[in-house]
Amino acid sequence: MARNKHPAVKKRLGKANSHTKWAPFWVIPKINGMKRGRHVHPSRITHVKRNWRKTRIKV
């Protein structure tokens, strides 16, 4: 990839980078209720997940 990137490309890469993150920690008790002892991983709540090996970004 080029060193100097076009602003539109940087915008697309930034959006794709946010799709690799988990849901925030405060969302888990909000969605699942305040049940004690129930452990849910934040990645289960995240709808759009992306991995750099599995999916390519159309830039």
PDB file of N, CA and C in Angstrom:
ATOM      1  N   MET A   1       0.846  -1.176   0.000  1.00  0.00           N
ATOM      2  CA  MET A   1       0.000   0.000   0.000  1.00  0.00           C
ATOM      3  C   MET A   1       0.891   1.239   0.000  1.00  0.00           C
ATOM      4  N   ALA A   2       0.414   2.278  -0.621  1.00  0.00           N
ATOM      5  CA  ALA A   2       1.190   3.500  -0.748  1.00  0.00           C
ATOM      6  C   ALA A   2       1.389   4.178   0.603  1.00  0.00           C
ATOM      7  N   ARG A   3       2.470   4.898   0.716  1.00  0.00           N
ATOM      8  CA  ARG A   3       2.744   5.626   1.961  1.00  0.00           C
ATOM      9  C   ARG A   3       1.756   6.775   2.137  1.00  0.00           C
ATOM     10  N   ASN A   4       1.539   7.535   1.064  1.00  0.00           N
ATOM     11  CA  ASN A   4       0.569   8.628   1.102  1.00  0.00           C
ATOM     12  C   ASN A   4      -0.780   8.104   0.626  1.00  0.00           C
ATOM     13  N   LYS A   5      -1.742   8.100   1.532  1.00  0.00           N
ATOM     14  CA  LYS A   5      -3.042   7.538   1.209  1.00  0.00           C
ATOM     15  C   LYS A   5      -4.060   8.655   0.955  1.00  0.00           C
ATOM     16  N   HIS A   6      -4.964   8.376   0.032  1.00  0.00           N
ATOM     17  CA  HIS A   6      -6.042   9.296  -0.285  1.00  0.00           C
ATOM     18  C   HIS A   6      -6.988   9.358   0.914  1.00  0.00           C
ATOM     19  N   PRO A   7      -7.599  10.509   1.187  1.00  0.00           N
ATOM     20  CA  PRO A   7      -8.512  10.613   2.346  1.00  0.00           C
ATOM     21  C   PRO A   7      -9.661   9.608   2.326  1.00  0.00           C
ATOM     22  N   ALA A   8     -10.180   9.290   1.142  1.00  0.00           N
ATOM     23  CA  ALA A   8     -11.277   8.317   1.063  1.00  0.00           C
ATOM     24  C   ALA A   8     -10.805   6.921   1.466  1.00  0.00           C
ATOM     25  N   VAL A   9      -9.579   6.575   1.093  1.00  0.00           N
ATOM     26  CA  VAL A   9      -9.017   5.279   1.455  1.00  0.00           C
ATOM     27  C   VAL A   9      -8.785   5.217   2.961  1.00  0.00           C
ATOM     28  N   LYS A  10      -8.287   6.313   3.527  1.00  0.00           N
ATOM     29  CA  LYS A  10      -8.052   6.356   4.974  1.00  0.00           C
ATOM     30  C   LYS A  10      -9.364   6.226   5.739  1.00  0.00           C
ATOM     31  N   LYS A  11     -10.419   6.825   5.198  1.00  0.00           N
ATOM     32  CA  LYS A  11     -11.729   6.742   5.833  1.00  0.00           C
ATOM     33  C   LYS A  11     -12.236   5.304   5.825  1.00  0.00           C
ATOM     34  N   ARG A  12     -12.062   4.603   4.698  1.00  0.00           N
ATOM     35  CA  ARG A  12     -12.495   3.207   4.601  1.00  0.00           C
ATOM     36  C   ARG A  12     -11.676   2.298   5.507  1.00  0.00           C
ATOM     37  N   LEU A  13     -10.390   2.538   5.578  1.00  0.00           N
ATOM     38  CA  LEU A  13      -9.539   1.731   6.456  1.00  0.00           C
ATOM     39  C   LEU A  13      -9.885   1.966   7.922  1.00  0.00           C
ATOM     40  N   GLY A  14     -10.185   3.198   8.274  1.00  0.00           N
ATOM     41  CA  GLY A  14     -10.571   3.500   9.646  1.00  0.00           C
ATOM     42  C   GLY A  14     -11.874   2.835  10.037  1.00  0.00           C
ATOM     43  N   LYS A  15     -12.828   2.815   9.102  1.00  0.00           N
ATOM     44  CA  LYS A  15     -14.107   2.150   9.364  1.00  0.00           C
ATOM     45  C   LYS A  15     -13.905   0.648   9.535  1.00  0.00           C
ATOM     46  N   ALA A  16     -13.057   0.060   8.688  1.00  0.00           N
ATOM     47  CA  ALA A  16     -12.794  -1.375   8.780  1.00  0.00           C
ATOM     48  C   ALA A  16     -12.051  -1.702  10.069  1.00  0.00           C
ATOM     49  N   ASN A  17     -11.214  -0.789  10.542  1.00  0.00           N
ATOM     50  CA  ASN A  17     -10.484  -1.016  11.787  1.00  0.00           C
ATOM     51  C   ASN A  17     -11.432  -1.048  12.978  1.00  0.00           C
ATOM     52  N   SER A  18     -12.496  -0.260  12.930  1.00  0.00           N
ATOM     53  CA  SER A  18     -13.454  -0.271  14.035  1.00  0.00           C
ATOM     54  C   SER A  18     -14.303  -1.539  14.024  1.00  0.00           C
ATOM     55  N   HIS A  19     -14.370  -2.247  12.893  1.00  0.00           N
ATOM     56  CA  HIS A  19     -15.140  -3.481  12.815  1.00  0.00           C
ATOM     57  C   HIS A  19     -14.393  -4.665  13.404  1.00  0.00           C
ATOM     58  N   THR A  20     -13.183  -4.469  13.881  1.00  0.00           N
ATOM     59  CA  THR A  20     -12.435  -5.557  14.487  1.00  0.00           C
ATOM     60  C   THR A  20     -12.572  -5.540  16.005  1.00  0.00           C
ATOM     61  N   LYS A  21     -13.192  -4.510  16.545  1.00  0.00           N
ATOM     62  CA  LYS A  21     -13.247  -4.351  18.001  1.00  0.00           C
ATOM     63  C   LYS A  21     -14.439  -5.083  18.603  1.00  0.00           C
ATOM     64  N   TRP A  22     -14.330  -5.379  19.897  1.00  0.00           N
ATOM     65  CA  TRP A  22     -15.430  -5.983  20.632  1.00  0.00           C
ATOM     66  C   TRP A  22     -16.400  -4.899  21.075  1.00  0.00           C
ATOM     67  N   ALA A  23     -17.507  -5.347  21.595  1.00  0.00           N
ATOM     68  CA  ALA A  23     -18.486  -4.422  22.165  1.00  0.00           C
ATOM     69  C   ALA A  23     -17.917  -3.824  23.451  1.00  0.00           C
ATOM     70  N   PRO A  24     -18.334  -2.620  23.849  1.00  0.00           N
ATOM     71  CA  PRO A  24     -17.852  -2.027  25.091  1.00  0.00           C
ATOM     72  C   PRO A  24     -18.276  -2.853  26.313  1.00  0.00           C
ATOM     73  N   PHE A  25     -17.519  -2.728  27.385  1.00  0.00           N
ATOM     74  CA  PHE A  25     -17.769  -3.552  28.569  1.00  0.00           C
ATOM     75  C   PHE A  25     -19.116  -3.237  29.223  1.00  0.00           C
ATOM     76  N   TRP A  26     -19.595  -1.992  29.083  1.00  0.00           N
ATOM     77  CA  TRP A  26     -20.841  -1.623  29.748  1.00  0.00           C
ATOM     78  C   TRP A  26     -22.077  -2.121  29.005  1.00  0.00           C
ATOM     79  N   VAL A  27     -21.900  -2.590  27.773  1.00  0.00           N
ATOM     80  CA  VAL A  27     -23.031  -3.084  26.995  1.00  0.00           C
ATOM     81  C   VAL A  27     -23.463  -4.467  27.494  1.00  0.00           C
ATOM     82  N   ILE A  28     -22.523  -5.262  27.994  1.00  0.00           N
ATOM     83  CA  ILE A  28     -22.798  -6.649  28.370  1.00  0.00           C
ATOM     84  C   ILE A  28     -23.862  -6.742  29.463  1.00  0.00           C
ATOM     85  N   PRO A  29     -23.724  -6.052  30.614  1.00  0.00           N
ATOM     86  CA  PRO A  29     -24.798  -6.142  31.603  1.00  0.00           C
ATOM     87  C   PRO A  29     -26.092  -5.482  31.132  1.00  0.00           C
ATOM     88  N   LYS A  30     -25.979  -4.504  30.239  1.00  0.00           N
ATOM     89  CA  LYS A  30     -27.177  -3.818  29.749  1.00  0.00           C
ATOM     90  C   LYS A  30     -28.025  -4.767  28.901  1.00  0.00           C
ATOM     91  N   ILE A  31     -27.396  -5.573  28.066  1.00  0.00           N
ATOM     92  CA  ILE A  31     -28.126  -6.474  27.180  1.00  0.00           C
ATOM     93  C   ILE A  31     -28.567  -7.735  27.927  1.00  0.00           C
ATOM     94  N   ASN A  32     -27.669  -8.322  28.719  1.00  0.00           N
ATOM     95  CA  ASN A  32     -27.955  -9.601  29.362  1.00  0.00           C
ATOM     96  C   ASN A  32     -28.649  -9.460  30.705  1.00  0.00           C
ATOM     97  N   GLY A  33     -28.855  -8.252  31.161  1.00  0.00           N
ATOM     98  CA  GLY A  33     -29.423  -8.064  32.485  1.00  0.00           C
ATOM     99  C   GLY A  33     -28.333  -8.192  33.537  1.00  0.00           C
ATOM    100  N   MET A  34     -28.644  -7.839  34.754  1.00  0.00           N
ATOM    101  CA  MET A  34     -27.636  -7.843  35.810  1.00  0.00           C
ATOM    102  C   MET A  34     -27.613  -9.197  36.520  1.00  0.00           C
ATOM    103  N   LYS A  35     -27.610 -10.291  35.756  1.00  0.00           N
ATOM    104  CA  LYS A  35     -27.548 -11.622  36.349  1.00  0.00           C
ATOM    105  C   LYS A  35     -26.142 -11.897  36.840  1.00  0.00           C
ATOM    106  N   ARG A  36     -26.058 -12.308  38.079  1.00  0.00           N
ATOM    107  CA  ARG A  36     -24.745 -12.578  38.657  1.00  0.00           C
ATOM    108  C   ARG A  36     -24.280 -13.969  38.239  1.00  0.00           C
ATOM    109  N   GLY A  37     -23.018 -14.079  37.914  1.00  0.00           N
ATOM    110  CA  GLY A  37     -22.446 -15.373  37.572  1.00  0.00           C
ATOM    111  C   GLY A  37     -22.502 -15.706  36.094  1.00  0.00           C
ATOM    112  N   ARG A  38     -23.211 -14.919  35.302  1.00  0.00           N
ATOM    113  CA  ARG A  38     -23.289 -15.192  33.867  1.00  0.00           C
ATOM    114  C   ARG A  38     -22.185 -14.425  33.162  1.00  0.00           C
ATOM    115  N   HIS A  39     -21.273 -15.133  32.539  1.00  0.00           N
ATOM    116  CA  HIS A  39     -20.147 -14.506  31.848  1.00  0.00           C
ATOM    117  C   HIS A  39     -20.378 -14.612  30.350  1.00  0.00           C
ATOM    118  N   VAL A  40     -20.426 -13.490  29.685  1.00  0.00           N
ATOM    119  CA  VAL A  40     -20.610 -13.434  28.238  1.00  0.00           C
ATOM    120  C   VAL A  40     -19.447 -12.645  27.661  1.00  0.00           C
ATOM    121  N   HIS A  41     -18.838 -13.186  26.625  1.00  0.00           N
ATOM    122  CA  HIS A  41     -17.705 -12.513  25.997  1.00  0.00           C
ATOM    123  C   HIS A  41     -18.203 -11.344  25.158  1.00  0.00           C
ATOM    124  N   PRO A  42     -17.484 -10.201  25.179  1.00  0.00           N
ATOM    125  CA  PRO A  42     -17.943  -9.030  24.409  1.00  0.00           C
ATOM    126  C   PRO A  42     -18.034  -9.256  22.908  1.00  0.00           C
ATOM    127  N   SER A  43     -17.289 -10.219  22.372  1.00  0.00           N
ATOM    128  CA  SER A  43     -17.330 -10.445  20.925  1.00  0.00           C
ATOM    129  C   SER A  43     -18.643 -11.084  20.486  1.00  0.00           C
ATOM    130  N   ARG A  44     -19.388 -11.693  21.405  1.00  0.00           N
ATOM    131  CA  ARG A  44     -20.677 -12.289  21.048  1.00  0.00           C
ATOM    132  C   ARG A  44     -21.722 -11.233  20.732  1.00  0.00           C
ATOM    133  N   ILE A  45     -21.560 -10.043  21.299  1.00  0.00           N
ATOM    134  CA  ILE A  45     -22.540  -8.972  21.110  1.00  0.00           C
ATOM    135  C   ILE A  45     -22.219  -8.154  19.856  1.00  0.00           C
ATOM    136  N   THR A  46     -20.946  -8.127  19.470  1.00  0.00           N
ATOM    137  CA  THR A  46     -20.528  -7.355  18.306  1.00  0.00           C
ATOM    138  C   THR A  46     -21.097  -8.000  17.046  1.00  0.00           C
ATOM    139  N   HIS A  47     -21.830  -7.226  16.246  1.00  0.00           N
ATOM    140  CA  HIS A  47     -22.497  -7.797  15.075  1.00  0.00           C
ATOM    141  C   HIS A  47     -21.538  -7.949  13.900  1.00  0.00           C
ATOM    142  N   VAL A  48     -20.738  -6.938  13.620  1.00  0.00           N
ATOM    143  CA  VAL A  48     -19.843  -6.977  12.476  1.00  0.00           C
ATOM    144  C   VAL A  48     -18.443  -7.273  12.986  1.00  0.00           C
ATOM    145  N   LYS A  49     -17.939  -8.456  12.660  1.00  0.00           N
ATOM    146  CA  LYS A  49     -16.584  -8.813  13.056  1.00  0.00           C
ATOM    147  C   LYS A  49     -15.752  -9.012  11.791  1.00  0.00           C
ATOM    148  N   ARG A  50     -14.515  -8.582  11.833  1.00  0.00           N
ATOM    149  CA  ARG A  50     -13.636  -8.715  10.681  1.00  0.00           C
ATOM    150  C   ARG A  50     -12.261  -9.134  11.151  1.00  0.00           C
ATOM    151  N   ASN A  51     -11.620 -10.006  10.391  1.00  0.00           N
ATOM    152  CA  ASN A  51     -10.263 -10.425  10.687  1.00  0.00           C
ATOM    153  C   ASN A  51      -9.391 -10.147   9.478  1.00  0.00           C
ATOM    154  N   TRP A  52      -8.163  -9.738   9.705  1.00  0.00           N
ATOM    155  CA  TRP A  52      -7.292  -9.357   8.594  1.00  0.00           C
ATOM    156  C   TRP A  52      -6.904 -10.551   7.740  1.00  0.00           C
ATOM    157  N   ARG A  53      -6.964 -11.759   8.287  1.00  0.00           N
ATOM    158  CA  ARG A  53      -6.632 -12.935   7.489  1.00  0.00           C
ATOM    159  C   ARG A  53      -7.821 -13.414   6.660  1.00  0.00           C
ATOM    160  N   LYS A  54      -9.025 -13.329   7.224  1.00  0.00           N
ATOM    161  CA  LYS A  54     -10.183 -13.959   6.598  1.00  0.00           C
ATOM    162  C   LYS A  54     -10.794 -13.114   5.499  1.00  0.00           C
ATOM    163  N   THR A  55     -10.971 -11.823   5.725  1.00  0.00           N
ATOM    164  CA  THR A  55     -11.663 -10.990   4.738  1.00  0.00           C
ATOM    165  C   THR A  55     -10.749  -9.861   4.271  1.00  0.00           C
ATOM    166  N   ARG A  56     -10.791  -9.612   2.999  1.00  0.00           N
ATOM    167  CA  ARG A  56     -10.009  -8.515   2.406  1.00  0.00           C
ATOM    168  C   ARG A  56     -10.871  -7.269   2.375  1.00  0.00           C
ATOM    169  N   ILE A  57     -10.224  -6.114   2.448  1.00  0.00           N
ATOM    170  CA  ILE A  57     -10.915  -4.832   2.372  1.00  0.00           C
ATOM    171  C   ILE A  57     -10.794  -4.327   0.937  1.00  0.00           C
ATOM    172  N   LYS A  58     -11.929  -3.984   0.345  1.00  0.00           N
ATOM    173  CA  LYS A  58     -11.896  -3.433  -1.014  1.00  0.00           C
ATOM    174  C   LYS A  58     -11.521  -1.958  -0.928  1.00  0.00           C
ATOM    175  N   VAL A  59     -10.249  -1.660  -1.119  1.00  0.00           N
ATOM    176  CA  VAL A  59      -9.771  -0.281  -0.995  1.00  0.00           C
ATOM    177  C   VAL A  59      -9.512   0.299  -2.353  1.00  0.00           C
TER     178      VAL A  59
END
